[in-house]
Amino acid sequence: MSVTTTARFEIKYRSYLTPEGRLTGTPPAIASDPDLLKRLYRMMVLVRIFDSKAIALQRTGQLGTYASCLGHEATHVAIGAAMAPEDVFFPMYREYGTQLWRGVHMEEILAFWGGDERGTTFRDQPLDFPWAVPIATQTLHAAGAALAFKLRGEKRVAVTVIGDGGTSQGDFYESLNAAGVYQLPAVFVIANNQWAISVPLKAQTACETLAQKAIAAGLPGLQVDGNDVLAVHEAVSEALEKARGGGGASVIEALTYRLSDHTTADDARRYRSATEVEDAQKKEPIGRLRRLLVARQLWSDQDEEALVQDCQRQVDVAVQSYQAYGRPACSDMFDYTFAELPESLRAQREAALAEGPARG
């Protein structure tokens, strides 16, 4: 019997910005772009302040169940900053940093979590898809759009985000397989925040990394520090350039941590320790970028105070706009689902309207 090795694989890890705000290795070009660094930082702070306000609205009965993005700001904002305007984004349900960077308005996000279908139609971002609460279905949508881009000869890329738990879904594997077989212009980002609601990563998979799940589909997989906005931006930018040039899809695993509950319907204290969260807090993304800016004399206490005040003002304006939406129409559940309503649902729509508004 002869035994030979038929193939070898490896997963590389990329990180430049330490939790202390120091640069290591050979940082990407954006590390030398003070204007972009400050723009990234401003958006990350805005997202965090918005996130805190959204939770407060939910706790006071002004919003439905809400999925916080606390701790994910670097990954999400970096994705949006790397994408081209003509690309299309397929979010999960907490990628507000990507969406805000690409033109979605905060009041639209609030409307969605307030149960208003008008929040799923973005007035200044008509290309991107709305949130996908069913786990992993957004990856199928991204693969389908990427196939359409390729067939049309368009230099566009479909970008989607999935959580660590979502990578256990068949939809995810099917999407990667299609992307590999057809060499689709797509980028799959895994936001590995260590917890799929109450299930830890070690109880979900025996893989050493989630990035290696790309290998079975014939795709390159890379792992990055998801709390390092520089590393994520560089990785996504490279994957986008590769896809746009006909080189096919890529998978990027961004290692981060969910500092919040899974949603406002969850209580993470029931399944993870305070020590674990405190340790993760020391590595969170906003503080490390601020420390870099301060060390370079690009940021001051006065800058921080002015930024926080401006962000709070923007959030307050968005909340007022959301509250001015008024009560949604009963027909919205039909009108915002199909471009052309099927006959069977047309009858249901008419019946719902005939019954009038619910009482009680």
Protein backbone atom coordinates (compact mmCIF):
# COMPACT_ATOMS: atom_id res chain seq x y z
CA MET A 1 0.00 0.00 0.00
CA SER A 2 1.20 3.49 -0.88
CA VAL A 3 0.06 6.45 1.19
CA THR A 4 0.55 9.96 -0.11
CA THR A 5 -0.75 13.41 0.83
CA THR A 6 -3.23 14.64 -1.77
CA ALA A 7 -3.66 18.17 -0.46
CA ARG A 8 -2.59 20.53 2.30
CA PHE A 9 -4.45 23.50 3.71
CA GLU A 10 -3.81 26.29 6.17
CA ILE A 11 -5.73 29.16 7.73
CA LYS A 12 -3.87 32.40 8.32
CA TYR A 13 -4.69 34.94 11.01
CA ARG A 14 -4.37 38.70 10.55
CA SER A 15 -4.17 41.43 13.21
CA TYR A 16 -2.45 44.83 13.34
CA LEU A 17 -3.98 46.89 16.14
CA THR A 18 -3.49 45.58 19.67
CA PRO A 19 -6.01 46.18 22.49
CA GLU A 20 -3.56 48.77 23.82
CA GLY A 21 -3.80 50.71 20.56
CA ARG A 22 -0.34 49.82 19.26
CA LEU A 23 0.39 48.79 15.67
CA THR A 24 2.22 45.55 14.93
CA GLY A 25 3.67 44.02 11.79
CA THR A 26 3.26 45.92 8.55
CA PRO A 27 -0.09 47.74 8.83
CA PRO A 28 -2.27 48.37 5.76
CA ALA A 29 -2.35 51.70 3.95
CA ILE A 30 -5.34 53.03 5.88
CA ALA A 31 -3.22 53.08 9.03
CA SER A 32 -1.48 56.09 7.45
CA ASP A 33 -4.72 57.84 6.49
CA PRO A 34 -5.72 60.03 9.46
CA ASP A 35 -8.92 61.29 7.85
CA LEU A 36 -10.21 57.77 7.18
CA LEU A 37 -9.18 56.56 10.64
CA LYS A 38 -11.12 59.38 12.26
CA ARG A 39 -14.11 58.76 10.00
CA LEU A 40 -14.11 55.08 10.97
CA TYR A 41 -13.88 56.02 14.63
CA ARG A 42 -16.72 58.52 14.42
CA MET A 43 -19.00 55.94 12.83
CA MET A 44 -18.11 53.31 15.42
CA VAL A 45 -18.98 55.72 18.23
CA LEU A 46 -22.22 56.73 16.52
CA VAL A 47 -23.21 53.07 16.19
CA ARG A 48 -22.54 52.42 19.87
CA ILE A 49 -24.56 55.43 21.02
CA PHE A 50 -27.39 54.48 18.68
CA ASP A 51 -27.29 50.91 19.98
CA SER A 52 -27.57 52.07 23.58
CA LYS A 53 -30.52 54.30 22.72
CA ALA A 54 -32.31 51.50 20.86
CA ILE A 55 -32.05 49.27 23.93
CA ALA A 56 -33.47 52.07 26.07
CA LEU A 57 -36.39 52.44 23.67
CA GLN A 58 -37.09 48.73 23.88
CA ARG A 59 -36.95 48.73 27.67
CA THR A 60 -39.51 51.53 27.77
CA GLY A 61 -41.92 49.84 25.36
CA GLN A 62 -41.15 52.05 22.36
CA LEU A 63 -39.45 49.31 20.35
CA GLY A 64 -39.91 45.58 19.89
CA THR A 65 -37.26 42.96 20.47
CA TYR A 66 -33.91 44.41 19.41
CA ALA A 67 -30.57 42.78 18.53
CA SER A 68 -27.64 44.74 19.96
CA CYS A 69 -24.34 45.12 18.09
CA LEU A 70 -22.25 46.03 21.14
CA GLY A 71 -18.67 44.91 20.51
CA HIS A 72 -19.12 44.31 16.78
CA GLU A 73 -18.53 47.90 15.66
CA ALA A 74 -15.09 47.40 14.06
CA THR A 75 -16.17 44.43 11.95
CA HIS A 76 -19.38 46.03 10.74
CA VAL A 77 -18.03 49.50 10.00
CA ALA A 78 -14.96 48.10 8.24
CA ILE A 79 -17.14 46.04 5.92
CA GLY A 80 -19.16 49.08 4.90
CA ALA A 81 -16.07 51.22 4.40
CA ALA A 82 -14.46 48.61 2.15
CA MET A 83 -17.47 48.08 -0.11
CA ALA A 84 -18.08 49.99 -3.34
CA PRO A 85 -21.39 51.85 -3.80
CA GLU A 86 -22.50 49.43 -6.53
CA ASP A 87 -21.95 46.35 -4.35
CA VAL A 88 -24.90 44.81 -2.53
CA PHE A 89 -25.05 43.97 1.17
CA PHE A 90 -27.01 41.06 2.65
CA PRO A 91 -27.10 41.54 6.43
CA MET A 92 -27.99 39.22 9.23
CA TYR A 93 -29.77 41.32 11.86
CA ARG A 94 -27.26 43.42 13.78
CA GLU A 95 -24.91 44.90 11.14
CA TYR A 96 -25.94 48.51 11.74
CA GLY A 97 -22.42 49.84 11.26
CA THR A 98 -22.30 48.52 7.71
CA GLN A 99 -25.77 49.80 6.96
CA LEU A 100 -25.26 53.29 8.37
CA TRP A 101 -22.00 53.65 6.46
CA ARG A 102 -23.83 52.70 3.26
CA GLY A 103 -26.66 55.18 3.71
CA VAL A 104 -29.36 53.43 5.71
CA HIS A 105 -30.97 55.83 8.21
CA MET A 106 -31.20 55.16 11.93
CA GLU A 107 -34.95 55.76 11.96
CA GLU A 108 -35.34 53.00 9.34
CA ILE A 109 -33.52 50.59 11.63
CA LEU A 110 -35.75 51.61 14.53
CA ALA A 111 -38.86 51.23 12.40
CA PHE A 112 -37.92 47.66 11.51
CA TRP A 113 -37.44 46.68 15.16
CA GLY A 114 -40.62 48.56 15.97
CA GLY A 115 -42.55 46.15 13.73
CA ASP A 116 -43.01 48.61 10.88
CA GLU A 117 -42.42 47.21 7.38
CA ARG A 118 -41.59 50.70 6.13
CA GLY A 119 -38.27 50.21 7.86
CA THR A 120 -37.27 47.56 5.31
CA THR A 121 -37.27 50.00 2.38
CA PHE A 122 -34.20 52.22 2.50
CA ARG A 123 -34.82 55.54 0.81
CA ASP A 124 -31.12 56.32 0.25
CA GLN A 125 -29.82 52.77 -0.17
CA PRO A 126 -32.02 50.95 -2.70
CA LEU A 127 -29.47 48.22 -3.49
CA ASP A 128 -28.98 46.57 -0.11
CA PHE A 129 -31.29 43.90 1.28
CA PRO A 130 -33.16 44.27 4.58
CA TRP A 131 -32.46 42.14 7.65
CA ALA A 132 -32.71 38.36 7.54
CA VAL A 133 -33.91 36.98 10.86
CA PRO A 134 -34.12 33.34 9.63
CA ILE A 135 -30.62 32.01 10.21
CA ALA A 136 -28.35 31.76 7.14
CA THR A 137 -30.96 32.48 4.46
CA GLN A 138 -29.15 35.72 3.61
CA THR A 139 -26.16 33.72 2.36
CA LEU A 140 -28.38 32.06 -0.26
CA HIS A 141 -29.64 35.47 -1.36
CA ALA A 142 -26.06 36.70 -1.67
CA ALA A 143 -25.02 33.70 -3.74
CA GLY A 144 -28.00 34.20 -6.04
CA ALA A 145 -27.25 37.89 -6.53
CA ALA A 146 -23.59 37.13 -7.16
CA LEU A 147 -24.58 34.66 -9.87
CA ALA A 148 -26.74 37.35 -11.47
CA PHE A 149 -23.81 39.80 -11.40
CA LYS A 150 -21.60 37.24 -13.11
CA LEU A 151 -24.14 36.35 -15.79
CA ARG A 152 -24.67 40.03 -16.55
CA GLY A 153 -20.96 40.76 -16.64
CA GLU A 154 -21.28 43.37 -13.89
CA LYS A 155 -18.27 44.32 -11.77
CA ARG A 156 -20.22 44.07 -8.52
CA VAL A 157 -19.86 41.95 -5.42
CA ALA A 158 -22.42 40.47 -3.03
CA VAL A 159 -21.31 40.76 0.60
CA THR A 160 -23.01 38.93 3.42
CA VAL A 161 -22.49 38.41 7.15
CA ILE A 162 -23.35 35.37 9.23
CA GLY A 163 -22.80 34.51 12.88
CA ASP A 164 -20.79 31.61 14.23
CA GLY A 165 -23.95 29.62 14.95
CA GLY A 166 -25.26 30.25 11.45
CA THR A 167 -22.27 28.44 9.94
CA SER A 168 -23.80 25.19 11.18
CA GLN A 169 -26.81 25.69 8.92
CA GLY A 170 -27.11 23.82 5.63
CA ASP A 171 -27.96 27.06 3.82
CA PHE A 172 -24.48 28.37 4.61
CA TYR A 173 -22.73 25.31 3.22
CA GLU A 174 -24.91 25.30 0.13
CA SER A 175 -24.09 28.96 -0.49
CA LEU A 176 -20.35 28.36 -0.20
CA ASN A 177 -20.57 25.33 -2.47
CA ALA A 178 -22.38 27.31 -5.17
CA ALA A 179 -19.93 30.19 -4.80
CA GLY A 180 -17.02 27.82 -5.27
CA VAL A 181 -18.43 25.85 -8.18
CA TYR A 182 -19.52 28.92 -10.16
CA GLN A 183 -16.67 31.20 -9.00
CA LEU A 184 -19.13 33.82 -7.82
CA PRO A 185 -18.22 37.41 -6.94
CA ALA A 186 -19.15 37.15 -3.27
CA VAL A 187 -17.61 37.75 0.15
CA PHE A 188 -18.86 35.78 3.15
CA VAL A 189 -17.96 37.33 6.51
CA ILE A 190 -18.40 35.21 9.63
CA ALA A 191 -18.89 37.42 12.67
CA ASN A 192 -17.65 34.94 15.25
CA ASN A 193 -18.81 36.49 18.51
CA GLN A 194 -18.29 33.20 20.40
CA TRP A 195 -21.95 32.60 21.30
CA ALA A 196 -24.97 31.40 19.30
CA ILE A 197 -27.48 32.74 21.81
CA SER A 198 -26.66 30.45 24.79
CA VAL A 199 -24.54 27.91 22.87
CA PRO A 200 -20.76 28.49 23.06
CA LEU A 201 -18.57 28.01 20.01
CA LYS A 202 -16.96 24.85 21.41
CA ALA A 203 -20.38 23.19 21.60
CA GLN A 204 -21.22 24.04 17.97
CA THR A 205 -18.26 22.74 16.02
CA ALA A 206 -15.13 20.60 16.27
CA CYS A 207 -13.33 22.83 13.75
CA GLU A 208 -10.26 24.70 14.94
CA THR A 209 -11.51 27.72 13.01
CA LEU A 210 -14.70 28.65 11.20
CA ALA A 211 -12.67 30.03 8.30
CA GLN A 212 -11.63 26.49 7.39
CA LYS A 213 -15.20 25.69 6.42
CA ALA A 214 -14.34 27.49 3.19
CA ILE A 215 -11.88 24.76 2.24
CA ALA A 216 -14.52 22.13 1.47
CA ALA A 217 -16.08 24.54 -1.04
CA GLY A 218 -12.76 25.25 -2.73
CA LEU A 219 -12.65 28.80 -1.39
CA PRO A 220 -9.91 30.67 0.46
CA GLY A 221 -10.54 31.19 4.16
CA LEU A 222 -8.92 33.81 6.38
CA GLN A 223 -9.25 34.58 10.08
CA VAL A 224 -8.87 38.16 11.32
CA ASP A 225 -9.12 40.04 14.59
CA GLY A 226 -12.69 41.30 14.34
CA ASN A 227 -11.99 44.02 16.92
CA ASP A 228 -9.23 45.44 14.70
CA VAL A 229 -10.87 47.75 12.17
CA LEU A 230 -7.64 47.88 10.14
CA ALA A 231 -7.38 44.11 9.74
CA VAL A 232 -11.04 43.69 8.82
CA HIS A 233 -10.95 46.54 6.32
CA GLU A 234 -7.85 45.16 4.62
CA ALA A 235 -9.19 41.60 4.46
CA VAL A 236 -12.57 42.64 3.06
CA SER A 237 -10.94 45.05 0.58
CA GLU A 238 -8.69 42.31 -0.75
CA ALA A 239 -11.57 39.85 -1.03
CA LEU A 240 -13.68 42.43 -2.86
CA GLU A 241 -10.90 43.20 -5.32
CA LYS A 242 -10.37 39.50 -5.96
CA ALA A 243 -14.09 38.91 -6.54
CA ARG A 244 -14.49 41.98 -8.74
CA GLY A 245 -11.58 40.81 -10.88
CA GLY A 246 -13.12 37.40 -11.56
CA GLY A 247 -11.19 35.52 -8.89
CA GLY A 248 -14.25 34.15 -7.10
CA ALA A 249 -15.53 34.24 -3.55
CA SER A 250 -13.77 34.35 -0.18
CA VAL A 251 -14.63 33.56 3.42
CA ILE A 252 -13.41 35.82 6.25
CA GLU A 253 -13.85 34.85 9.90
CA ALA A 254 -13.79 37.94 12.12
CA LEU A 255 -13.10 37.04 15.75
CA THR A 256 -15.03 39.36 18.03
CA TYR A 257 -17.25 39.09 21.12
CA ARG A 258 -20.88 39.82 21.84
CA LEU A 259 -20.67 42.15 24.83
CA SER A 260 -24.46 42.40 25.03
CA ASP A 261 -27.29 39.93 25.38
CA HIS A 262 -28.16 38.12 22.15
CA THR A 263 -31.27 40.28 21.91
CA THR A 264 -33.34 42.21 24.42
CA ALA A 265 -35.32 38.97 24.92
CA ASP A 266 -32.18 37.27 26.25
CA ASP A 267 -30.32 37.34 29.57
CA ALA A 268 -26.71 36.31 28.92
CA ARG A 269 -25.95 36.25 32.66
CA ARG A 270 -27.70 32.88 32.77
CA TYR A 271 -25.08 31.14 30.62
CA ARG A 272 -21.78 33.05 30.72
CA SER A 273 -19.64 34.42 33.51
CA ALA A 274 -19.03 38.03 34.38
CA THR A 275 -15.28 37.34 34.25
CA GLU A 276 -15.51 36.23 30.63
CA VAL A 277 -17.34 39.41 29.65
CA GLU A 278 -14.91 41.59 31.61
CA ASP A 279 -11.96 39.98 29.82
CA ALA A 280 -13.63 40.56 26.45
CA GLN A 281 -14.34 44.18 27.37
CA LYS A 282 -10.60 44.81 27.58
CA LYS A 283 -10.27 43.88 23.89
CA GLU A 284 -13.27 45.82 22.57
CA PRO A 285 -12.76 47.74 19.31
CA ILE A 286 -13.58 51.39 20.01
CA GLY A 287 -11.13 51.89 22.87
CA ARG A 288 -8.21 50.45 20.94
CA LEU A 289 -8.79 52.72 17.93
CA ARG A 290 -9.19 55.76 20.19
CA ARG A 291 -5.89 54.94 21.90
CA LEU A 292 -4.17 54.82 18.50
CA LEU A 293 -5.60 58.20 17.53
CA VAL A 294 -4.62 59.77 20.84
CA ALA A 295 -1.10 58.36 20.62
CA ARG A 296 -0.74 59.97 17.19
CA GLN A 297 -2.12 63.26 18.51
CA LEU A 298 -5.06 62.98 16.15
CA TRP A 299 -7.67 62.97 18.91
CA SER A 300 -8.26 64.87 22.15
CA ASP A 301 -10.69 64.93 25.06
CA GLN A 302 -12.35 67.92 23.42
CA ASP A 303 -12.75 65.98 20.19
CA GLU A 304 -14.32 63.10 22.11
CA GLU A 305 -16.75 65.35 23.95
CA ALA A 306 -17.82 67.08 20.74
CA LEU A 307 -18.26 63.74 18.96
CA VAL A 308 -20.41 62.25 21.71
CA GLN A 309 -22.63 65.33 21.77
CA ASP A 310 -23.02 65.29 18.00
CA CYS A 311 -23.81 61.56 17.96
CA GLN A 312 -26.41 61.98 20.69
CA ARG A 313 -27.98 64.80 18.68
CA GLN A 314 -28.12 62.66 15.53
CA VAL A 315 -29.66 59.77 17.46
CA ASP A 316 -32.26 62.03 19.08
CA VAL A 317 -33.27 63.38 15.67
CA ALA A 318 -33.58 59.83 14.34
CA VAL A 319 -35.75 58.79 17.30
CA GLN A 320 -38.07 61.74 16.70
CA SER A 321 -38.32 60.79 13.03
CA TYR A 322 -39.12 57.19 13.96
CA GLN A 323 -41.77 58.24 16.44
CA ALA A 324 -43.34 60.42 13.75
CA TYR A 325 -43.87 57.43 11.45
CA GLY A 326 -47.30 56.87 12.90
CA ARG A 327 -49.14 53.59 13.05
CA PRO A 328 -48.37 51.28 10.11
CA ALA A 329 -51.17 50.19 7.80
CA CYS A 330 -52.47 46.65 8.00
CA SER A 331 -51.77 46.24 4.28
CA ASP A 332 -48.03 46.77 4.83
CA MET A 333 -47.49 43.12 5.68
CA PHE A 334 -48.53 42.32 2.11
CA ASP A 335 -47.28 45.36 0.23
CA TYR A 336 -43.71 45.15 1.51
CA THR A 337 -43.28 41.42 0.81
CA PHE A 338 -43.92 41.00 -2.91
CA ALA A 339 -43.31 43.30 -5.87
CA GLU A 340 -46.42 41.74 -7.41
CA LEU A 341 -48.83 40.13 -4.98
CA PRO A 342 -49.92 36.52 -5.77
CA GLU A 343 -53.63 36.00 -6.27
CA SER A 344 -54.00 33.97 -3.07
CA LEU A 345 -52.47 36.73 -0.95
CA ARG A 346 -54.42 39.41 -2.77
CA ALA A 347 -57.60 37.85 -1.40
CA GLN A 348 -56.10 37.73 2.11
CA ARG A 349 -55.11 41.38 1.83
CA GLU A 350 -58.63 42.39 0.88
CA ALA A 351 -60.08 40.37 3.75
CA ALA A 352 -57.67 41.93 6.25
CA LEU A 353 -58.55 45.44 5.09
CA ALA A 354 -62.27 44.66 5.22
CA GLU A 355 -62.00 43.62 8.88
CA GLY A 356 -60.53 47.00 9.79
CA PRO A 357 -58.02 47.76 12.57
CA ALA A 358 -57.77 45.38 15.50
CA ARG A 359 -59.33 46.46 18.78
CA GLY A 360 -58.02 46.20 22.29
